PDB file of N, CA and C in Angstrom:
ATOM      1  N   LEU A   1      44.856 -28.107  61.354  1.00  0.00           N
ATOM      2  CA  LEU A   1      45.173 -29.179  62.262  1.00  0.00           C
ATOM      3  C   LEU A   1      46.113 -30.133  61.542  1.00  0.00           C
ATOM      4  N   GLU A   2      47.292 -30.316  62.077  1.00  0.00           N
ATOM      5  CA  GLU A   2      48.249 -31.232  61.476  1.00  0.00           C
ATOM      6  C   GLU A   2      47.888 -32.675  61.804  1.00  0.00           C
ATOM      7  N   GLY A   3      48.318 -33.585  60.945  1.00  0.00           N
ATOM      8  CA  GLY A   3      48.079 -35.005  61.188  1.00  0.00           C
ATOM      9  C   GLY A   3      46.836 -35.508  60.474  1.00  0.00           C
ATOM     10  N   GLN A   4      46.292 -36.602  61.003  1.00  0.00           N
ATOM     11  CA  GLN A   4      45.149 -37.254  60.375  1.00  0.00           C
ATOM     12  C   GLN A   4      43.961 -37.318  61.333  1.00  0.00           C
ATOM     13  N   LEU A   5      42.791 -37.047  60.802  1.00  0.00           N
ATOM     14  CA  LEU A   5      41.570 -37.069  61.604  1.00  0.00           C
ATOM     15  C   LEU A   5      41.052 -38.487  61.790  1.00  0.00           C
ATOM     16  N   ASP A   6      40.480 -38.731  62.951  1.00  0.00           N
ATOM     17  CA  ASP A   6      39.726 -39.957  63.188  1.00  0.00           C
ATOM     18  C   ASP A   6      38.368 -39.756  62.514  1.00  0.00           C
ATOM     19  N   PRO A   7      38.010 -40.567  61.528  1.00  0.00           N
ATOM     20  CA  PRO A   7      36.774 -40.309  60.783  1.00  0.00           C
ATOM     21  C   PRO A   7      35.515 -40.364  61.642  1.00  0.00           C
ATOM     22  N   ASP A   8      35.445 -41.264  62.608  1.00  0.00           N
ATOM     23  CA  ASP A   8      34.252 -41.359  63.457  1.00  0.00           C
ATOM     24  C   ASP A   8      34.114 -40.117  64.339  1.00  0.00           C
ATOM     25  N   LYS A   9      35.195 -39.675  64.937  1.00  0.00           N
ATOM     26  CA  LYS A   9      35.147 -38.482  65.789  1.00  0.00           C
ATOM     27  C   LYS A   9      34.823 -37.237  64.973  1.00  0.00           C
ATOM     28  N   PHE A  10      35.436 -37.121  63.794  1.00  0.00           N
ATOM     29  CA  PHE A  10      35.147 -35.959  62.955  1.00  0.00           C
ATOM     30  C   PHE A  10      33.686 -35.940  62.529  1.00  0.00           C
ATOM     31  N   ASN A  11      33.168 -37.083  62.072  1.00  0.00           N
ATOM     32  CA  ASN A  11      31.769 -37.143  61.625  1.00  0.00           C
ATOM     33  C   ASN A  11      30.811 -36.795  62.756  1.00  0.00           C
ATOM     34  N   ALA A  12      31.094 -37.270  63.961  1.00  0.00           N
ATOM     35  CA  ALA A  12      30.234 -36.947  65.107  1.00  0.00           C
ATOM     36  C   ALA A  12      30.284 -35.450  65.399  1.00  0.00           C
ATOM     37  N   TRP A  13      31.493 -34.866  65.415  1.00  0.00           N
ATOM     38  CA  TRP A  13      31.643 -33.434  65.693  1.00  0.00           C
ATOM     39  C   TRP A  13      30.981 -32.585  64.611  1.00  0.00           C
ATOM     40  N   PHE A  14      31.290 -32.873  63.344  1.00  0.00           N
ATOM     41  CA  PHE A  14      30.765 -32.042  62.260  1.00  0.00           C
ATOM     42  C   PHE A  14      29.254 -32.209  62.134  1.00  0.00           C
ATOM     43  N   GLY A  15      28.751 -33.420  62.289  1.00  0.00           N
ATOM     44  CA  GLY A  15      27.309 -33.647  62.241  1.00  0.00           C
ATOM     45  C   GLY A  15      26.573 -32.869  63.315  1.00  0.00           C
ATOM     46  N   GLN A  16      27.096 -32.881  64.536  1.00  0.00           N
ATOM     47  CA  GLN A  16      26.497 -32.125  65.635  1.00  0.00           C
ATOM     48  C   GLN A  16      26.544 -30.620  65.344  1.00  0.00           C
ATOM     49  N   LEU A  17      27.670 -30.159  64.829  1.00  0.00           N
ATOM     50  CA  LEU A  17      27.823 -28.740  64.505  1.00  0.00           C
ATOM     51  C   LEU A  17      26.812 -28.310  63.446  1.00  0.00           C
ATOM     52  N   VAL A  18      26.689 -29.085  62.396  1.00  0.00           N
ATOM     53  CA  VAL A  18      25.763 -28.751  61.308  1.00  0.00           C
ATOM     54  C   VAL A  18      24.319 -28.778  61.795  1.00  0.00           C
ATOM     55  N   GLN A  19      23.970 -29.752  62.622  1.00  0.00           N
ATOM     56  CA  GLN A  19      22.597 -29.825  63.130  1.00  0.00           C
ATOM     57  C   GLN A  19      22.275 -28.675  64.072  1.00  0.00           C
ATOM     58  N   SER A  20      23.215 -28.329  64.937  1.00  0.00           N
ATOM     59  CA  SER A  20      22.939 -27.300  65.942  1.00  0.00           C
ATOM     60  C   SER A  20      23.110 -25.873  65.418  1.00  0.00           C
ATOM     61  N   ARG A  21      23.997 -25.670  64.445  1.00  0.00           N
ATOM     62  CA  ARG A  21      24.303 -24.317  63.983  1.00  0.00           C
ATOM     63  C   ARG A  21      24.081 -24.132  62.486  1.00  0.00           C
ATOM     64  N   GLY A  22      23.396 -25.064  61.845  1.00  0.00           N
ATOM     65  CA  GLY A  22      23.212 -25.031  60.398  1.00  0.00           C
ATOM     66  C   GLY A  22      22.609 -23.748  59.864  1.00  0.00           C
ATOM     67  N   ASP A  23      21.710 -23.123  60.617  1.00  0.00           N
ATOM     68  CA  ASP A  23      21.112 -21.867  60.150  1.00  0.00           C
ATOM     69  C   ASP A  23      22.126 -20.738  60.128  1.00  0.00           C
ATOM     70  N   ASP A  24      23.124 -20.800  61.002  1.00  0.00           N
ATOM     71  CA  ASP A  24      24.131 -19.740  61.096  1.00  0.00           C
ATOM     72  C   ASP A  24      25.338 -19.984  60.195  1.00  0.00           C
ATOM     73  N   ILE A  25      25.533 -21.214  59.759  1.00  0.00           N
ATOM     74  CA  ILE A  25      26.658 -21.538  58.888  1.00  0.00           C
ATOM     75  C   ILE A  25      26.154 -21.503  57.447  1.00  0.00           C
ATOM     76  N   TYR A  26      26.468 -20.417  56.748  1.00  0.00           N
ATOM     77  CA  TYR A  26      26.006 -20.284  55.367  1.00  0.00           C
ATOM     78  C   TYR A  26      26.745 -21.257  54.454  1.00  0.00           C
ATOM     79  N   ARG A  27      28.056 -21.364  54.688  1.00  0.00           N
ATOM     80  CA  ARG A  27      28.859 -22.228  53.830  1.00  0.00           C
ATOM     81  C   ARG A  27      30.099 -22.665  54.588  1.00  0.00           C
ATOM     82  N   SER A  28      30.522 -23.872  54.316  1.00  0.00           N
ATOM     83  CA  SER A  28      31.809 -24.339  54.837  1.00  0.00           C
ATOM     84  C   SER A  28      32.469 -25.165  53.751  1.00  0.00           C
ATOM     85  N   LYS A  29      33.790 -25.108  53.732  1.00  0.00           N
ATOM     86  CA  LYS A  29      34.537 -25.885  52.760  1.00  0.00           C
ATOM     87  C   LYS A  29      35.887 -26.212  53.347  1.00  0.00           C
ATOM     88  N   GLY A  30      36.443 -27.333  52.925  1.00  0.00           N
ATOM     89  CA  GLY A  30      37.732 -27.699  53.478  1.00  0.00           C
ATOM     90  C   GLY A  30      38.365 -28.888  52.782  1.00  0.00           C
ATOM     91  N   ILE A  31      39.621 -29.088  53.148  1.00  0.00           N
ATOM     92  CA  ILE A  31      40.396 -30.246  52.729  1.00  0.00           C
ATOM     93  C   ILE A  31      40.750 -30.997  54.007  1.00  0.00           C
ATOM     94  N   LEU A  32      40.437 -32.283  54.048  1.00  0.00           N
ATOM     95  CA  LEU A  32      40.646 -33.076  55.246  1.00  0.00           C
ATOM     96  C   LEU A  32      41.651 -34.189  55.012  1.00  0.00           C
ATOM     97  N   SER A  33      42.468 -34.415  56.017  1.00  0.00           N
ATOM     98  CA  SER A  33      43.382 -35.549  56.046  1.00  0.00           C
ATOM     99  C   SER A  33      42.759 -36.580  56.980  1.00  0.00           C
ATOM    100  N   VAL A  34      42.241 -37.644  56.412  1.00  0.00           N
ATOM    101  CA  VAL A  34      41.503 -38.645  57.186  1.00  0.00           C
ATOM    102  C   VAL A  34      42.345 -39.909  57.319  1.00  0.00           C
ATOM    103  N   ARG A  35      42.464 -40.381  58.537  1.00  0.00           N
ATOM    104  CA  ARG A  35      43.215 -41.609  58.802  1.00  0.00           C
ATOM    105  C   ARG A  35      42.656 -42.753  57.957  1.00  0.00           C
ATOM    106  N   GLY A  36      43.571 -43.502  57.339  1.00  0.00           N
ATOM    107  CA  GLY A  36      43.168 -44.634  56.515  1.00  0.00           C
ATOM    108  C   GLY A  36      42.903 -44.298  55.060  1.00  0.00           C
ATOM    109  N   ARG A  37      42.995 -43.018  54.697  1.00  0.00           N
ATOM    110  CA  ARG A  37      42.766 -42.592  53.310  1.00  0.00           C
ATOM    111  C   ARG A  37      44.041 -42.008  52.736  1.00  0.00           C
ATOM    112  N   ALA A  38      44.423 -42.445  51.548  1.00  0.00           N
ATOM    113  CA  ALA A  38      45.615 -41.924  50.883  1.00  0.00           C
ATOM    114  C   ALA A  38      45.315 -40.637  50.122  1.00  0.00           C
ATOM    115  N   GLU A  39      44.020 -40.320  49.951  1.00  0.00           N
ATOM    116  CA  GLU A  39      43.610 -39.143  49.196  1.00  0.00           C
ATOM    117  C   GLU A  39      43.114 -38.041  50.129  1.00  0.00           C
ATOM    118  N   LYS A  40      43.135 -36.823  49.623  1.00  0.00           N
ATOM    119  CA  LYS A  40      42.521 -35.697  50.333  1.00  0.00           C
ATOM    120  C   LYS A  40      41.007 -35.879  50.266  1.00  0.00           C
ATOM    121  N   ILE A  41      40.338 -35.507  51.322  1.00  0.00           N
ATOM    122  CA  ILE A  41      38.879 -35.525  51.339  1.00  0.00           C
ATOM    123  C   ILE A  41      38.425 -34.077  51.236  1.00  0.00           C
ATOM    124  N   VAL A  42      37.569 -33.803  50.263  1.00  0.00           N
ATOM    125  CA  VAL A  42      37.104 -32.445  49.985  1.00  0.00           C
ATOM    126  C   VAL A  42      35.696 -32.297  50.560  1.00  0.00           C
ATOM    127  N   LEU A  43      35.526 -31.287  51.403  1.00  0.00           N
ATOM    128  CA  LEU A  43      34.263 -31.054  52.099  1.00  0.00           C
ATOM    129  C   LEU A  43      33.642 -29.750  51.612  1.00  0.00           C
ATOM    130  N   HIS A  44      32.370 -29.792  51.252  1.00  0.00           N
ATOM    131  CA  HIS A  44      31.586 -28.601  50.898  1.00  0.00           C
ATOM    132  C   HIS A  44      30.248 -28.721  51.612  1.00  0.00           C
ATOM    133  N   ALA A  45      29.797 -27.642  52.222  1.00  0.00           N
ATOM    134  CA  ALA A  45      28.484 -27.665  52.864  1.00  0.00           C
ATOM    135  C   ALA A  45      27.827 -26.300  52.730  1.00  0.00           C
ATOM    136  N   VAL A  46      26.523 -26.323  52.557  1.00  0.00           N
ATOM    137  CA  VAL A  46      25.696 -25.121  52.569  1.00  0.00           C
ATOM    138  C   VAL A  46      24.597 -25.384  53.578  1.00  0.00           C
ATOM    139  N   HIS A  47      24.584 -24.589  54.651  1.00  0.00           N
ATOM    140  CA  HIS A  47      23.695 -24.832  55.781  1.00  0.00           C
ATOM    141  C   HIS A  47      23.831 -26.291  56.230  1.00  0.00           C
ATOM    142  N   ARG A  48      22.799 -27.094  56.077  1.00  0.00           N
ATOM    143  CA  ARG A  48      22.840 -28.484  56.550  1.00  0.00           C
ATOM    144  C   ARG A  48      23.052 -29.508  55.428  1.00  0.00           C
ATOM    145  N   VAL A  49      23.293 -29.032  54.235  1.00  0.00           N
ATOM    146  CA  VAL A  49      23.533 -29.917  53.102  1.00  0.00           C
ATOM    147  C   VAL A  49      25.045 -30.085  52.944  1.00  0.00           C
ATOM    148  N   VAL A  50      25.516 -31.302  53.153  1.00  0.00           N
ATOM    149  CA  VAL A  50      26.954 -31.587  53.164  1.00  0.00           C
ATOM    150  C   VAL A  50      27.306 -32.504  52.002  1.00  0.00           C
ATOM    151  N   ASP A  51      28.389 -32.163  51.299  1.00  0.00           N
ATOM    152  CA  ASP A  51      28.896 -32.982  50.211  1.00  0.00           C
ATOM    153  C   ASP A  51      30.368 -33.281  50.494  1.00  0.00           C
ATOM    154  N   VAL A  52      30.723 -34.544  50.404  1.00  0.00           N
ATOM    155  CA  VAL A  52      32.096 -34.971  50.630  1.00  0.00           C
ATOM    156  C   VAL A  52      32.548 -35.734  49.396  1.00  0.00           C
ATOM    157  N   ALA A  53      33.753 -35.425  48.901  1.00  0.00           N
ATOM    158  CA  ALA A  53      34.287 -36.095  47.713  1.00  0.00           C
ATOM    159  C   ALA A  53      35.739 -36.480  47.961  1.00  0.00           C
ATOM    160  N   VAL A  54      36.195 -37.452  47.192  1.00  0.00           N
ATOM    161  CA  VAL A  54      37.587 -37.875  47.260  1.00  0.00           C
ATOM    162  C   VAL A  54      38.389 -37.006  46.295  1.00  0.00           C
ATOM    163  N   GLY A  55      39.472 -36.439  46.809  1.00  0.00           N
ATOM    164  CA  GLY A  55      40.329 -35.589  45.999  1.00  0.00           C
ATOM    165  C   GLY A  55      41.586 -36.319  45.556  1.00  0.00           C
ATOM    166  N   SER A  56      42.608 -35.547  45.265  1.00  0.00           N
ATOM    167  CA  SER A  56      43.873 -36.105  44.797  1.00  0.00           C
ATOM    168  C   SER A  56      44.659 -36.738  45.943  1.00  0.00           C
ATOM    169  N   PRO A  57      45.603 -37.617  45.624  1.00  0.00           N
ATOM    170  CA  PRO A  57      46.436 -38.231  46.660  1.00  0.00           C
ATOM    171  C   PRO A  57      47.329 -37.182  47.340  1.00  0.00           C
ATOM    172  N   TRP A  58      47.763 -37.488  48.555  1.00  0.00           N
ATOM    173  CA  TRP A  58      48.646 -36.583  49.296  1.00  0.00           C
ATOM    174  C   TRP A  58      50.043 -36.539  48.693  1.00  0.00           C
ATOM    175  N   ASN A  59      50.496 -37.605  48.074  1.00  0.00           N
ATOM    176  CA  ASN A  59      51.793 -37.631  47.383  1.00  0.00           C
ATOM    177  C   ASN A  59      52.941 -37.068  48.203  1.00  0.00           C
ATOM    178  N   GLY A  60      53.029 -37.449  49.465  1.00  0.00           N
ATOM    179  CA  GLY A  60      54.153 -37.032  50.299  1.00  0.00           C
ATOM    180  C   GLY A  60      54.037 -35.647  50.901  1.00  0.00           C
ATOM    181  N   GLU A  61      52.984 -34.900  50.579  1.00  0.00           N
ATOM    182  CA  GLU A  61      52.779 -33.581  51.191  1.00  0.00           C
ATOM    183  C   GLU A  61      52.527 -33.751  52.680  1.00  0.00           C
ATOM    184  N   PRO A  62      52.879 -32.753  53.490  1.00  0.00           N
ATOM    185  CA  PRO A  62      52.506 -32.823  54.910  1.00  0.00           C
ATOM    186  C   PRO A  62      50.981 -32.863  55.035  1.00  0.00           C
ATOM    187  N   ARG A  63      50.499 -33.798  55.828  1.00  0.00           N
ATOM    188  CA  ARG A  63      49.045 -33.968  55.955  1.00  0.00           C
ATOM    189  C   ARG A  63      48.497 -33.055  57.036  1.00  0.00           C
ATOM    190  N   SER A  64      47.455 -32.323  56.662  1.00  0.00           N
ATOM    191  CA  SER A  64      46.768 -31.454  57.613  1.00  0.00           C
ATOM    192  C   SER A  64      45.344 -31.238  57.118  1.00  0.00           C
ATOM    193  N   SER A  65      44.492 -30.763  58.017  1.00  0.00           N
ATOM    194  CA  SER A  65      43.087 -30.503  57.683  1.00  0.00           C
ATOM    195  C   SER A  65      42.787 -29.029  57.924  1.00  0.00           C
ATOM    196  N   LYS A  66      42.020 -28.455  57.009  1.00  0.00           N
ATOM    197  CA  LYS A  66      41.611 -27.051  57.135  1.00  0.00           C
ATOM    198  C   LYS A  66      40.152 -26.938  56.702  1.00  0.00           C
ATOM    199  N   ILE A  67      39.387 -26.199  57.493  1.00  0.00           N
ATOM    200  CA  ILE A  67      37.984 -25.920  57.139  1.00  0.00           C
ATOM    201  C   ILE A  67      37.759 -24.423  57.305  1.00  0.00           C
ATOM    202  N   VAL A  68      37.047 -23.825  56.366  1.00  0.00           N
ATOM    203  CA  VAL A  68      36.675 -22.423  56.431  1.00  0.00           C
ATOM    204  C   VAL A  68      35.147 -22.363  56.580  1.00  0.00           C
ATOM    205  N   PHE A  69      34.690 -21.547  57.526  1.00  0.00           N
ATOM    206  CA  PHE A  69      33.256 -21.351  57.753  1.00  0.00           C
ATOM    207  C   PHE A  69      32.889 -19.926  57.407  1.00  0.00           C
ATOM    208  N   ILE A  70      31.779 -19.755  56.704  1.00  0.00           N
ATOM    209  CA  ILE A  70      31.223 -18.443  56.418  1.00  0.00           C
ATOM    210  C   ILE A  70      29.824 -18.445  57.007  1.00  0.00           C
ATOM    211  N   GLY A  71      29.518 -17.443  57.838  1.00  0.00           N
ATOM    212  CA  GLY A  71      28.211 -17.410  58.456  1.00  0.00           C
ATOM    213  C   GLY A  71      28.037 -16.209  59.354  1.00  0.00           C
ATOM    214  N   LYS A  72      27.106 -16.324  60.278  1.00  0.00           N
ATOM    215  CA  LYS A  72      26.846 -15.227  61.210  1.00  0.00           C
ATOM    216  C   LYS A  72      26.959 -15.762  62.632  1.00  0.00           C
ATOM    217  N   ASP A  73      27.370 -14.893  63.533  1.00  0.00           N
ATOM    218  CA  ASP A  73      27.481 -15.214  64.968  1.00  0.00           C
ATOM    219  C   ASP A  73      28.343 -16.441  65.223  1.00  0.00           C
ATOM    220  N   LEU A  74      29.419 -16.589  64.440  1.00  0.00           N
ATOM    221  CA  LEU A  74      30.343 -17.709  64.632  1.00  0.00           C
ATOM    222  C   LEU A  74      31.501 -17.241  65.501  1.00  0.00           C
ATOM    223  N   ASN A  75      31.974 -18.098  66.360  1.00  0.00           N
ATOM    224  CA  ASN A  75      33.107 -17.782  67.221  1.00  0.00           C
ATOM    225  C   ASN A  75      34.408 -17.943  66.472  1.00  0.00           C
TER     226      ASN A  75
END
C-alpha cells in the first residue's frame, strides 16, 4: 500500500484481525509507513502477540506499507 497509514484506523483493523483470526495467523511481519512518523514502523506478531518497534528513517524513500501473513485458511 503506497502512502501513509492512519494509525487509528490501522490499529483498529489489525487489532480486530488478530483477535478474530489469531489462531489461524501463525506469524505476520511488516514495515509500515505511519502518518506523523519519520521512521519506518516494524511489525512482528505471532498469533495474538504483537510487537511494534521503531525502525530507521525513510530518508526520502517512497513510503509504502507491506505486511506478510503466514498461517492457515487465509484469503
